[in-house]
Amino acid sequence: MLLRTGKTPTGAEAAGHIRRLVRHIRRHWPKTRITIRGDGHYGRPEVMDWCEAGDVDYILGLPTNAVLRADPVIATAADACATKRAIRQFPVLRHYAETRYGAKSWKCRRCVAARIEASTLGMDIRYVVTSLSQGSAEHIYDTLYCARGRAENLIKLHKAQLASDRTSCRSANANQMRLILHTAAFWLMWRIQQEIPKAAALATAEFATLRLRLLKVAARVIETATRIRVAFASACPDAAVFRIIATALRPAPT
């Protein structure tokens, strides 16, 4: 996690972060095909130019504008979606469209996929720009782009349930160190979450619940020369889950 100023990043700043991230990934997995997925903050010409030059695919959010709204392909699909919803009395209806679009600041025209949603509240159209040449507009938006929601949920856990937004020190270096410690706590909780059996009730629990049910519990700890024993109360409901996690996370014998 990198602490930065609380402002919208410029295109050069976003491209710089992606460049460093891709460099670290390719250092360990040089043959892996990389696809960058980001919201509208990353839909900048500097980012797209760098990805195309570096052989990196991308799916990036694209803010709406008058040119996109007037595009004949998107306008036709939007009219058809609204008409079909009204005729069949659907509460919500989605259509998808794909077109070519080039902003004045872009070097070339690029593929834009549109998610068109008509409802009783009106019309809502979202756009993504992508370098991918295969796949329908529906697949690109719903399957590939919207999968970033999982990453956003993890960021929410990092910020809300581990309090990583408590960067109140006067020094930027001190705040960065606090963020590193919060990130270490995140990885600890994430590893615990991954080792919970899928059939257990805590398999889908968030970090706050795991902390209350597995970590902030009373137990007797007995240390010996060769092992550490943790004794729970006989009525502890999650002792078996704790045993499974501890067994899975113990280091391999050397």
Protein backbone atom coordinates (compact mmCIF):
# COMPACT_ATOMS: atom_id res chain seq x y z
CA MET A 1 0.00 0.00 0.00
CA LEU A 2 1.29 3.41 -0.99
CA LEU A 3 0.22 6.56 0.83
CA ARG A 4 -0.42 9.44 -1.55
CA THR A 5 -2.06 12.85 -1.41
CA GLY A 6 -5.86 12.88 -1.29
CA LYS A 7 -6.53 14.18 -4.79
CA THR A 8 -7.50 12.77 -8.15
CA PRO A 9 -4.31 11.38 -9.73
CA THR A 10 -3.09 12.82 -12.99
CA GLY A 11 -2.65 10.59 -16.01
CA ALA A 12 1.13 10.61 -15.61
CA GLU A 13 0.84 9.68 -11.92
CA ALA A 14 -1.55 6.80 -12.64
CA ALA A 15 0.69 5.53 -15.44
CA GLY A 16 3.70 5.69 -13.11
CA HIS A 17 1.99 3.55 -10.47
CA ILE A 18 0.95 0.98 -13.08
CA ARG A 19 4.43 0.92 -14.57
CA ARG A 20 6.02 0.09 -11.22
CA LEU A 21 3.38 -2.54 -10.46
CA VAL A 22 3.80 -4.28 -13.82
CA ARG A 23 7.59 -4.23 -13.43
CA HIS A 24 7.34 -6.06 -10.10
CA ILE A 25 4.91 -8.63 -11.51
CA ARG A 26 7.03 -9.37 -14.57
CA ARG A 27 10.12 -9.73 -12.43
CA HIS A 28 8.58 -12.92 -11.00
CA TRP A 29 6.23 -13.98 -13.82
CA PRO A 30 7.75 -12.68 -17.07
CA LYS A 31 5.46 -14.70 -19.37
CA THR A 32 2.16 -13.92 -17.62
CA ARG A 33 -0.39 -11.98 -19.66
CA ILE A 34 -1.45 -8.90 -17.67
CA THR A 35 -4.77 -7.08 -17.88
CA ILE A 36 -5.19 -3.81 -15.96
CA ARG A 37 -8.70 -3.15 -14.65
CA GLY A 38 -9.54 0.22 -13.13
CA ASP A 39 -12.24 2.83 -12.67
CA GLY A 40 -12.53 6.17 -14.41
CA HIS A 41 -9.50 7.62 -12.60
CA TYR A 42 -7.34 5.31 -14.71
CA GLY A 43 -9.11 5.97 -18.00
CA ARG A 44 -6.47 8.48 -19.06
CA PRO A 45 -4.60 8.64 -22.38
CA GLU A 46 -1.23 8.33 -20.60
CA VAL A 47 -2.31 5.04 -19.04
CA MET A 48 -3.71 3.61 -22.27
CA ASP A 49 -0.66 4.70 -24.28
CA TRP A 50 1.70 3.07 -21.78
CA CYS A 51 -0.29 -0.17 -21.68
CA GLU A 52 -0.35 -0.44 -25.47
CA ALA A 53 3.38 0.26 -25.70
CA GLY A 54 4.12 -2.24 -22.91
CA ASP A 55 1.94 -5.07 -24.30
CA VAL A 56 -0.49 -4.85 -21.37
CA ASP A 57 -4.25 -5.19 -21.87
CA TYR A 58 -6.64 -2.88 -20.06
CA ILE A 59 -10.31 -2.41 -19.18
CA LEU A 60 -10.85 1.07 -17.77
CA GLY A 61 -13.87 3.08 -16.77
CA LEU A 62 -14.71 5.96 -19.08
CA PRO A 63 -16.68 9.05 -17.98
CA THR A 64 -19.68 9.89 -20.12
CA ASN A 65 -19.79 12.88 -22.44
CA ALA A 66 -21.98 14.35 -25.16
CA VAL A 67 -20.12 12.59 -27.97
CA LEU A 68 -20.61 9.14 -26.44
CA ARG A 69 -24.27 9.82 -25.69
CA ALA A 70 -24.82 10.87 -29.32
CA ASP A 71 -22.99 7.88 -30.79
CA PRO A 72 -25.48 6.26 -33.23
CA VAL A 73 -24.75 2.70 -32.08
CA ILE A 74 -25.22 3.51 -28.40
CA ALA A 75 -28.19 5.83 -28.98
CA THR A 76 -29.98 3.15 -31.04
CA ALA A 77 -29.34 0.48 -28.42
CA ALA A 78 -30.52 2.81 -25.64
CA ASP A 79 -33.76 3.63 -27.48
CA ALA A 80 -34.42 -0.07 -28.12
CA CYS A 81 -33.76 -0.92 -24.46
CA ALA A 82 -36.08 1.82 -23.17
CA THR A 83 -38.84 0.87 -25.63
CA LYS A 84 -38.66 -2.85 -24.81
CA ARG A 85 -38.72 -2.17 -21.06
CA ALA A 86 -41.77 0.07 -21.39
CA ILE A 87 -43.68 -2.37 -23.61
CA ARG A 88 -43.01 -5.41 -21.43
CA GLN A 89 -43.30 -3.47 -18.15
CA PHE A 90 -39.97 -4.70 -16.82
CA PRO A 91 -38.74 -2.85 -13.71
CA VAL A 92 -35.17 -2.96 -15.05
CA LEU A 93 -33.75 -4.03 -18.40
CA ARG A 94 -30.14 -4.13 -19.54
CA HIS A 95 -28.66 -4.02 -23.01
CA TYR A 96 -25.06 -3.75 -24.17
CA ALA A 97 -23.40 -2.07 -27.12
CA GLU A 98 -19.92 -1.74 -28.56
CA THR A 99 -18.53 1.12 -30.61
CA ARG A 100 -15.29 2.85 -31.60
CA TYR A 101 -14.49 6.16 -29.95
CA GLY A 102 -11.57 8.54 -29.91
CA ALA A 103 -11.29 11.59 -27.67
CA LYS A 104 -9.33 14.60 -28.83
CA SER A 105 -6.52 13.80 -26.36
CA TRP A 106 -6.20 10.21 -27.64
CA LYS A 107 -3.79 9.12 -30.33
CA CYS A 108 -6.26 6.71 -31.91
CA ARG A 109 -9.82 5.40 -31.74
CA ARG A 110 -10.39 2.62 -29.23
CA CYS A 111 -13.05 0.02 -28.44
CA VAL A 112 -15.73 1.21 -26.00
CA ALA A 113 -18.29 -1.12 -24.41
CA ALA A 114 -21.48 0.40 -23.01
CA ARG A 115 -23.77 -1.04 -20.35
CA ILE A 116 -27.25 0.38 -20.98
CA GLU A 117 -29.79 0.09 -18.18
CA ALA A 118 -33.38 1.29 -18.49
CA SER A 119 -35.57 1.36 -15.39
CA THR A 120 -38.57 3.12 -13.96
CA LEU A 121 -36.15 5.79 -12.74
CA GLY A 122 -34.79 6.52 -16.21
CA MET A 123 -31.78 5.64 -18.33
CA ASP A 124 -28.30 4.87 -16.97
CA ILE A 125 -25.36 4.20 -19.30
CA ARG A 126 -21.86 3.27 -18.16
CA TYR A 127 -18.81 2.99 -20.42
CA VAL A 128 -15.49 1.15 -20.38
CA VAL A 129 -12.63 1.44 -22.84
CA THR A 130 -10.61 -1.69 -23.56
CA SER A 131 -7.77 -3.04 -25.64
CA LEU A 132 -9.32 -6.51 -25.77
CA SER A 133 -10.36 -7.58 -29.25
CA GLN A 134 -12.33 -10.67 -28.24
CA GLY A 135 -15.49 -11.03 -26.20
CA SER A 136 -18.88 -9.37 -26.36
CA ALA A 137 -19.66 -6.03 -24.73
CA GLU A 138 -21.67 -7.88 -22.07
CA HIS A 139 -18.76 -10.19 -21.26
CA ILE A 140 -16.28 -7.33 -21.14
CA TYR A 141 -18.42 -5.22 -18.81
CA ASP A 142 -20.23 -7.71 -16.57
CA THR A 143 -17.68 -10.51 -16.32
CA LEU A 144 -14.33 -8.76 -16.65
CA TYR A 145 -14.81 -5.16 -15.56
CA CYS A 146 -17.37 -5.65 -12.76
CA ALA A 147 -15.16 -8.31 -11.17
CA ARG A 148 -13.20 -5.41 -9.68
CA GLY A 149 -15.99 -5.19 -7.12
CA ARG A 150 -14.27 -7.99 -5.21
CA ALA A 151 -11.09 -5.90 -5.01
CA GLU A 152 -13.08 -2.88 -3.84
CA ASN A 153 -14.64 -4.96 -1.07
CA LEU A 154 -11.17 -5.95 0.12
CA ILE A 155 -10.14 -2.30 0.15
CA LYS A 156 -13.22 -1.52 2.26
CA LEU A 157 -12.19 -4.23 4.72
CA HIS A 158 -8.69 -2.74 4.84
CA LYS A 159 -10.00 0.74 5.53
CA ALA A 160 -13.17 0.26 7.59
CA GLN A 161 -12.54 -2.91 9.61
CA LEU A 162 -8.79 -2.54 10.13
CA ALA A 163 -8.89 1.26 10.52
CA SER A 164 -6.16 1.89 7.96
CA ASP A 165 -7.49 5.43 7.41
CA ARG A 166 -6.10 6.50 10.79
CA THR A 167 -3.18 8.41 9.34
CA SER A 168 -3.18 11.29 11.81
CA CYS A 169 0.58 11.66 12.34
CA ARG A 170 2.20 14.92 11.31
CA SER A 171 4.93 13.14 9.36
CA ALA A 172 4.15 11.48 6.02
CA ASN A 173 6.77 8.80 6.75
CA ALA A 174 5.06 7.95 10.05
CA ASN A 175 1.70 7.68 8.32
CA GLN A 176 3.22 5.43 5.66
CA MET A 177 4.62 3.19 8.39
CA ARG A 178 1.19 2.98 10.01
CA LEU A 179 -0.28 1.98 6.65
CA ILE A 180 2.34 -0.76 6.29
CA LEU A 181 1.41 -2.15 9.72
CA HIS A 182 -2.29 -2.08 8.81
CA THR A 183 -1.46 -3.92 5.58
CA ALA A 184 0.41 -6.59 7.56
CA ALA A 185 -2.69 -7.00 9.72
CA PHE A 186 -4.78 -7.28 6.56
CA TRP A 187 -2.65 -10.14 5.21
CA LEU A 188 -2.86 -11.92 8.56
CA MET A 189 -6.67 -11.70 8.60
CA TRP A 190 -6.90 -12.65 4.92
CA ARG A 191 -4.78 -15.77 5.47
CA ILE A 192 -6.98 -16.75 8.42
CA GLN A 193 -10.06 -16.24 6.26
CA GLN A 194 -8.65 -18.41 3.46
CA GLU A 195 -7.99 -21.36 5.78
CA ILE A 196 -11.52 -21.54 7.17
CA PRO A 197 -13.36 -24.61 5.79
CA LYS A 198 -15.94 -23.64 3.17
CA ALA A 199 -18.67 -25.50 5.04
CA ALA A 200 -18.04 -23.58 8.29
CA ALA A 201 -20.35 -20.78 9.37
CA LEU A 202 -17.42 -18.35 9.44
CA ALA A 203 -16.38 -19.08 5.85
CA THR A 204 -18.04 -15.88 4.59
CA ALA A 205 -17.47 -13.79 7.71
CA GLU A 206 -15.82 -10.38 7.46
CA PHE A 207 -12.69 -9.38 9.34
CA ALA A 208 -14.55 -7.76 12.24
CA THR A 209 -16.46 -10.98 12.90
CA LEU A 210 -13.33 -13.12 12.65
CA ARG A 211 -11.54 -10.87 15.12
CA LEU A 212 -14.36 -11.20 17.66
CA ARG A 213 -14.94 -14.93 17.19
CA LEU A 214 -11.39 -16.24 16.74
CA LEU A 215 -8.88 -13.72 18.10
CA LYS A 216 -10.53 -11.76 20.92
CA VAL A 217 -11.45 -14.85 22.93
CA ALA A 218 -10.36 -16.02 26.38
CA ALA A 219 -7.92 -18.95 26.40
CA ARG A 220 -5.09 -20.39 28.46
CA VAL A 221 -1.74 -20.41 26.63
CA ILE A 222 0.90 -22.88 27.80
CA GLU A 223 4.39 -22.64 26.29
CA THR A 224 6.84 -25.53 26.44
CA ALA A 225 10.19 -26.13 24.82
CA THR A 226 8.65 -27.84 21.77
CA ARG A 227 5.12 -26.51 21.40
CA ILE A 228 2.51 -23.94 22.36
CA ARG A 229 -0.81 -25.20 23.71
CA VAL A 230 -3.96 -23.09 23.57
CA ALA A 231 -6.77 -24.28 25.84
CA PHE A 232 -10.26 -22.90 25.18
CA ALA A 233 -13.30 -23.12 27.39
CA SER A 234 -15.32 -26.29 26.84
CA ALA A 235 -18.26 -24.19 25.59
CA CYS A 236 -16.22 -22.24 23.00
CA PRO A 237 -18.19 -22.65 19.73
CA ASP A 238 -15.25 -21.98 17.39
CA ALA A 239 -12.48 -24.02 19.00
CA ALA A 240 -12.58 -26.61 16.21
CA VAL A 241 -12.25 -23.90 13.53
CA PHE A 242 -9.33 -22.35 15.41
CA ARG A 243 -7.62 -25.76 15.53
CA ILE A 244 -8.02 -26.20 11.76
CA ILE A 245 -6.61 -22.72 11.05
CA ALA A 246 -3.66 -23.14 13.42
CA THR A 247 -2.80 -26.51 11.85
CA ALA A 248 -2.97 -25.09 8.34
CA LEU A 249 -0.80 -22.06 9.15
CA ARG A 250 1.92 -23.78 11.16
CA PRO A 251 5.33 -23.75 9.44
CA ALA A 252 6.53 -26.86 7.69
CA PRO A 253 9.20 -28.85 9.57
CA THR A 254 12.75 -28.09 8.49
